[in-house]
Amino acid sequence: MSQNDKAASRRDFLKLASVSAPAAAAAIAVPGAKAEAQAAAVDDGKMQDTAHTRAFYETARF
């Protein structure tokens, strides 16, 4: 009978661990203060001049 109790307690532990770990991660990930929204980028139909696009043009052989 002690083996059944031990197996049941392991199962209970794993059930609890599988439910509580994501809940703990979600509680930590929720920030206390709201972040400010960034200004919207101007969409004039052209590519934005950013470091990313400059790197693309440098690696592309035009």
PDB file of N, CA and C in Angstrom:
ATOM      1  N   MET A   1       0.818  -1.180   0.000  1.00  0.00           N
ATOM      2  CA  MET A   1       0.000   0.000   0.000  1.00  0.00           C
ATOM      3  C   MET A   1       0.869   1.254   0.000  1.00  0.00           C
ATOM      4  N   SER A   2       2.055   1.201   0.573  1.00  0.00           N
ATOM      5  CA  SER A   2       2.908   2.381   0.613  1.00  0.00           C
ATOM      6  C   SER A   2       3.400   2.745  -0.788  1.00  0.00           C
ATOM      7  N   GLN A   3       3.565   1.762  -1.679  1.00  0.00           N
ATOM      8  CA  GLN A   3       3.968   2.080  -3.046  1.00  0.00           C
ATOM      9  C   GLN A   3       2.870   2.862  -3.767  1.00  0.00           C
ATOM     10  N   ASN A   4       1.628   2.510  -3.557  1.00  0.00           N
ATOM     11  CA  ASN A   4       0.530   3.239  -4.190  1.00  0.00           C
ATOM     12  C   ASN A   4       0.457   4.669  -3.670  1.00  0.00           C
ATOM     13  N   ASP A   5       0.664   4.845  -2.387  1.00  0.00           N
ATOM     14  CA  ASP A   5       0.649   6.191  -1.830  1.00  0.00           C
ATOM     15  C   ASP A   5       1.802   7.021  -2.392  1.00  0.00           C
ATOM     16  N   LYS A   6       2.964   6.391  -2.536  1.00  0.00           N
ATOM     17  CA  LYS A   6       4.128   7.090  -3.067  1.00  0.00           C
ATOM     18  C   LYS A   6       3.885   7.472  -4.529  1.00  0.00           C
ATOM     19  N   ALA A   7       3.316   6.544  -5.319  1.00  0.00           N
ATOM     20  CA  ALA A   7       3.039   6.827  -6.727  1.00  0.00           C
ATOM     21  C   ALA A   7       1.989   7.922  -6.852  1.00  0.00           C
ATOM     22  N   ALA A   8       0.991   7.874  -6.002  1.00  0.00           N
ATOM     23  CA  ALA A   8      -0.049   8.900  -6.053  1.00  0.00           C
ATOM     24  C   ALA A   8       0.526  10.260  -5.672  1.00  0.00           C
ATOM     25  N   SER A   9       1.402  10.298  -4.707  1.00  0.00           N
ATOM     26  CA  SER A   9       1.973  11.580  -4.316  1.00  0.00           C
ATOM     27  C   SER A   9       2.883  12.133  -5.411  1.00  0.00           C
ATOM     28  N   ARG A  10       3.566  11.275  -6.143  1.00  0.00           N
ATOM     29  CA  ARG A  10       4.380  11.748  -7.264  1.00  0.00           C
ATOM     30  C   ARG A  10       3.487  12.341  -8.344  1.00  0.00           C
ATOM     31  N   ARG A  11       2.392  11.648  -8.635  1.00  0.00           N
ATOM     32  CA  ARG A  11       1.462  12.151  -9.638  1.00  0.00           C
ATOM     33  C   ARG A  11       0.888  13.499  -9.220  1.00  0.00           C
ATOM     34  N   ASP A  12       0.527  13.594  -7.966  1.00  0.00           N
ATOM     35  CA  ASP A  12      -0.022  14.852  -7.471  1.00  0.00           C
ATOM     36  C   ASP A  12       1.010  15.973  -7.564  1.00  0.00           C
ATOM     37  N   PHE A  13       2.255  15.639  -7.237  1.00  0.00           N
ATOM     38  CA  PHE A  13       3.315  16.638  -7.324  1.00  0.00           C
ATOM     39  C   PHE A  13       3.507  17.107  -8.766  1.00  0.00           C
ATOM     40  N   LEU A  14       3.533  16.169  -9.712  1.00  0.00           N
ATOM     41  CA  LEU A  14       3.736  16.544 -11.104  1.00  0.00           C
ATOM     42  C   LEU A  14       2.563  17.353 -11.645  1.00  0.00           C
ATOM     43  N   LYS A  15       1.353  17.022 -11.220  1.00  0.00           N
ATOM     44  CA  LYS A  15       0.192  17.811 -11.639  1.00  0.00           C
ATOM     45  C   LYS A  15       0.312  19.235 -11.114  1.00  0.00           C
ATOM     46  N   LEU A  16       0.653  19.346  -9.859  1.00  0.00           N
ATOM     47  CA  LEU A  16       0.783  20.663  -9.251  1.00  0.00           C
ATOM     48  C   LEU A  16       1.925  21.451  -9.886  1.00  0.00           C
ATOM     49  N   ALA A  17       3.035  20.794 -10.154  1.00  0.00           N
ATOM     50  CA  ALA A  17       4.186  21.468 -10.748  1.00  0.00           C
ATOM     51  C   ALA A  17       3.879  21.942 -12.161  1.00  0.00           C
ATOM     52  N   SER A  18       3.125  21.148 -12.916  1.00  0.00           N
ATOM     53  CA  SER A  18       2.822  21.541 -14.292  1.00  0.00           C
ATOM     54  C   SER A  18       1.857  22.713 -14.346  1.00  0.00           C
ATOM     55  N   VAL A  19       1.046  22.887 -13.322  1.00  0.00           N
ATOM     56  CA  VAL A  19       0.095  23.996 -13.297  1.00  0.00           C
ATOM     57  C   VAL A  19       0.711  25.236 -12.664  1.00  0.00           C
ATOM     58  N   SER A  20       1.496  25.061 -11.633  1.00  0.00           N
ATOM     59  CA  SER A  20       2.003  26.214 -10.896  1.00  0.00           C
ATOM     60  C   SER A  20       3.180  26.903 -11.582  1.00  0.00           C
ATOM     61  N   ALA A  21       3.990  26.188 -12.343  1.00  0.00           N
ATOM     62  CA  ALA A  21       5.148  26.809 -12.985  1.00  0.00           C
ATOM     63  C   ALA A  21       4.738  27.876 -14.006  1.00  0.00           C
ATOM     64  N   PRO A  22       3.816  27.597 -14.924  1.00  0.00           N
ATOM     65  CA  PRO A  22       3.405  28.668 -15.845  1.00  0.00           C
ATOM     66  C   PRO A  22       2.714  29.832 -15.133  1.00  0.00           C
ATOM     67  N   ALA A  23       1.974  29.538 -14.085  1.00  0.00           N
ATOM     68  CA  ALA A  23       1.307  30.611 -13.343  1.00  0.00           C
ATOM     69  C   ALA A  23       2.336  31.513 -12.669  1.00  0.00           C
ATOM     70  N   ALA A  24       3.389  30.933 -12.142  1.00  0.00           N
ATOM     71  CA  ALA A  24       4.440  31.727 -11.506  1.00  0.00           C
ATOM     72  C   ALA A  24       5.179  32.564 -12.547  1.00  0.00           C
ATOM     73  N   ALA A  25       5.433  31.986 -13.711  1.00  0.00           N
ATOM     74  CA  ALA A  25       6.111  32.735 -14.770  1.00  0.00           C
ATOM     75  C   ALA A  25       5.242  33.889 -15.254  1.00  0.00           C
ATOM     76  N   ALA A  26       3.953  33.673 -15.346  1.00  0.00           N
ATOM     77  CA  ALA A  26       3.048  34.741 -15.778  1.00  0.00           C
ATOM     78  C   ALA A  26       2.981  35.848 -14.737  1.00  0.00           C
ATOM     79  N   ALA A  27       3.021  35.495 -13.480  1.00  0.00           N
ATOM     80  CA  ALA A  27       2.969  36.502 -12.422  1.00  0.00           C
ATOM     81  C   ALA A  27       4.226  37.365 -12.421  1.00  0.00           C
ATOM     82  N   ILE A  28       5.357  36.774 -12.744  1.00  0.00           N
ATOM     83  CA  ILE A  28       6.610  37.525 -12.788  1.00  0.00           C
ATOM     84  C   ILE A  28       6.668  38.392 -14.039  1.00  0.00           C
ATOM     85  N   ALA A  29       6.116  37.900 -15.152  1.00  0.00           N
ATOM     86  CA  ALA A  29       6.214  38.610 -16.425  1.00  0.00           C
ATOM     87  C   ALA A  29       5.310  39.826 -16.500  1.00  0.00           C
ATOM     88  N   VAL A  30       4.300  39.916 -15.660  1.00  0.00           N
ATOM     89  CA  VAL A  30       3.378  41.045 -15.702  1.00  0.00           C
ATOM     90  C   VAL A  30       4.070  42.263 -15.101  1.00  0.00           C
ATOM     91  N   PRO A  31       4.265  43.310 -15.903  1.00  0.00           N
ATOM     92  CA  PRO A  31       4.947  44.496 -15.380  1.00  0.00           C
ATOM     93  C   PRO A  31       4.026  45.312 -14.488  1.00  0.00           C
ATOM     94  N   GLY A  32       4.624  46.056 -13.576  1.00  0.00           N
ATOM     95  CA  GLY A  32       3.837  46.884 -12.672  1.00  0.00           C
ATOM     96  C   GLY A  32       3.361  48.172 -13.319  1.00  0.00           C
ATOM     97  N   ALA A  33       4.158  48.748 -14.206  1.00  0.00           N
ATOM     98  CA  ALA A  33       3.796  50.013 -14.840  1.00  0.00           C
ATOM     99  C   ALA A  33       3.557  49.790 -16.330  1.00  0.00           C
ATOM    100  N   LYS A  34       2.685  50.580 -16.881  1.00  0.00           N
ATOM    101  CA  LYS A  34       2.392  50.473 -18.309  1.00  0.00           C
ATOM    102  C   LYS A  34       3.482  51.185 -19.102  1.00  0.00           C
ATOM    103  N   ALA A  35       3.825  50.626 -20.243  1.00  0.00           N
ATOM    104  CA  ALA A  35       4.831  51.227 -21.112  1.00  0.00           C
ATOM    105  C   ALA A  35       4.182  52.284 -21.990  1.00  0.00           C
ATOM    106  N   GLU A  36       4.930  53.294 -22.301  1.00  0.00           N
ATOM    107  CA  GLU A  36       4.435  54.344 -23.178  1.00  0.00           C
ATOM    108  C   GLU A  36       4.479  53.859 -24.621  1.00  0.00           C
ATOM    109  N   ALA A  37       3.506  54.237 -25.400  1.00  0.00           N
ATOM    110  CA  ALA A  37       3.463  53.861 -26.807  1.00  0.00           C
ATOM    111  C   ALA A  37       4.451  54.710 -27.595  1.00  0.00           C
ATOM    112  N   GLN A  38       5.097  54.087 -28.568  1.00  0.00           N
ATOM    113  CA  GLN A  38       6.020  54.821 -29.422  1.00  0.00           C
ATOM    114  C   GLN A  38       5.238  55.526 -30.519  1.00  0.00           C
ATOM    115  N   ALA A  39       5.819  56.569 -31.040  1.00  0.00           N
ATOM    116  CA  ALA A  39       5.178  57.289 -32.133  1.00  0.00           C
ATOM    117  C   ALA A  39       5.142  56.403 -33.371  1.00  0.00           C
ATOM    118  N   ALA A  40       4.069  56.483 -34.114  1.00  0.00           N
ATOM    119  CA  ALA A  40       3.923  55.666 -35.313  1.00  0.00           C
ATOM    120  C   ALA A  40       4.905  56.134 -36.379  1.00  0.00           C
ATOM    121  N   ALA A  41       5.471  55.180 -37.093  1.00  0.00           N
ATOM    122  CA  ALA A  41       6.411  55.501 -38.154  1.00  0.00           C
ATOM    123  C   ALA A  41       5.649  56.058 -39.355  1.00  0.00           C
ATOM    124  N   VAL A  42       6.287  56.959 -40.073  1.00  0.00           N
ATOM    125  CA  VAL A  42       5.672  57.550 -41.254  1.00  0.00           C
ATOM    126  C   VAL A  42       5.713  56.522 -42.373  1.00  0.00           C
ATOM    127  N   ASP A  43       4.564  56.225 -42.958  1.00  0.00           N
ATOM    128  CA  ASP A  43       4.491  55.242 -44.033  1.00  0.00           C
ATOM    129  C   ASP A  43       4.209  55.974 -45.340  1.00  0.00           C
ATOM    130  N   ASP A  44       5.277  56.381 -46.018  1.00  0.00           N
ATOM    131  CA  ASP A  44       5.105  57.106 -47.273  1.00  0.00           C
ATOM    132  C   ASP A  44       5.348  56.211 -48.480  1.00  0.00           C
ATOM    133  N   GLY A  45       5.373  54.909 -48.283  1.00  0.00           N
ATOM    134  CA  GLY A  45       5.557  53.980 -49.388  1.00  0.00           C
ATOM    135  C   GLY A  45       7.011  53.667 -49.682  1.00  0.00           C
ATOM    136  N   LYS A  46       7.921  54.312 -49.005  1.00  0.00           N
ATOM    137  CA  LYS A  46       9.345  54.071 -49.211  1.00  0.00           C
ATOM    138  C   LYS A  46       9.899  53.292 -48.033  1.00  0.00           C
ATOM    139  N   MET A  47      11.066  52.683 -48.264  1.00  0.00           N
ATOM    140  CA  MET A  47      11.721  51.983 -47.162  1.00  0.00           C
ATOM    141  C   MET A  47      12.281  53.011 -46.191  1.00  0.00           C
ATOM    142  N   GLN A  48      12.193  52.710 -44.917  1.00  0.00           N
ATOM    143  CA  GLN A  48      12.740  53.587 -43.890  1.00  0.00           C
ATOM    144  C   GLN A  48      14.262  53.496 -43.920  1.00  0.00           C
ATOM    145  N   ASP A  49      14.932  54.597 -43.670  1.00  0.00           N
ATOM    146  CA  ASP A  49      16.388  54.615 -43.612  1.00  0.00           C
ATOM    147  C   ASP A  49      16.810  54.240 -42.197  1.00  0.00           C
ATOM    148  N   THR A  50      17.060  52.954 -41.993  1.00  0.00           N
ATOM    149  CA  THR A  50      17.466  52.458 -40.686  1.00  0.00           C
ATOM    150  C   THR A  50      18.776  51.707 -40.820  1.00  0.00           C
ATOM    151  N   ALA A  51      19.345  51.346 -39.694  1.00  0.00           N
ATOM    152  CA  ALA A  51      20.588  50.571 -39.706  1.00  0.00           C
ATOM    153  C   ALA A  51      20.365  49.224 -40.383  1.00  0.00           C
ATOM    154  N   HIS A  52      19.172  48.678 -40.223  1.00  0.00           N
ATOM    155  CA  HIS A  52      18.865  47.385 -40.827  1.00  0.00           C
ATOM    156  C   HIS A  52      18.857  47.483 -42.355  1.00  0.00           C
ATOM    157  N   THR A  53      18.223  48.514 -42.896  1.00  0.00           N
ATOM    158  CA  THR A  53      18.178  48.648 -44.351  1.00  0.00           C
ATOM    159  C   THR A  53      19.546  49.029 -44.908  1.00  0.00           C
ATOM    160  N   ARG A  54      20.311  49.806 -44.171  1.00  0.00           N
ATOM    161  CA  ARG A  54      21.667  50.133 -44.622  1.00  0.00           C
ATOM    162  C   ARG A  54      22.529  48.880 -44.696  1.00  0.00           C
ATOM    163  N   ALA A  55      22.408  48.017 -43.697  1.00  0.00           N
ATOM    164  CA  ALA A  55      23.170  46.769 -43.707  1.00  0.00           C
ATOM    165  C   ALA A  55      22.750  45.897 -44.881  1.00  0.00           C
ATOM    166  N   PHE A  56      21.458  45.901 -45.213  1.00  0.00           N
ATOM    167  CA  PHE A  56      20.983  45.122 -46.356  1.00  0.00           C
ATOM    168  C   PHE A  56      21.614  45.631 -47.642  1.00  0.00           C
ATOM    169  N   TYR A  57      21.596  46.939 -47.840  1.00  0.00           N
ATOM    170  CA  TYR A  57      22.160  47.501 -49.061  1.00  0.00           C
ATOM    171  C   TYR A  57      23.667  47.292 -49.135  1.00  0.00           C
ATOM    172  N   GLU A  58      24.346  47.281 -48.001  1.00  0.00           N
ATOM    173  CA  GLU A  58      25.789  47.045 -48.009  1.00  0.00           C
ATOM    174  C   GLU A  58      26.113  45.605 -48.379  1.00  0.00           C
ATOM    175  N   THR A  59      25.288  44.665 -47.947  1.00  0.00           N
ATOM    176  CA  THR A  59      25.557  43.261 -48.252  1.00  0.00           C
ATOM    177  C   THR A  59      25.055  42.869 -49.629  1.00  0.00           C
ATOM    178  N   ALA A  60      24.047  43.564 -50.140  1.00  0.00           N
ATOM    179  CA  ALA A  60      23.542  43.276 -51.482  1.00  0.00           C
ATOM    180  C   ALA A  60      24.479  43.940 -52.486  1.00  0.00           C
ATOM    181  N   ARG A  61      24.774  43.260 -53.547  1.00  0.00           N
ATOM    182  CA  ARG A  61      25.722  43.790 -54.542  1.00  0.00           C
ATOM    183  C   ARG A  61      24.949  44.460 -55.673  1.00  0.00           C
ATOM    184  N   PHE A  62      24.575  45.721 -55.458  1.00  0.00           N
ATOM    185  CA  PHE A  62      23.869  46.470 -56.505  1.00  0.00           C
ATOM    186  C   PHE A  62      24.845  47.310 -57.269  1.00  0.00           C
TER     187      PHE A  62
END
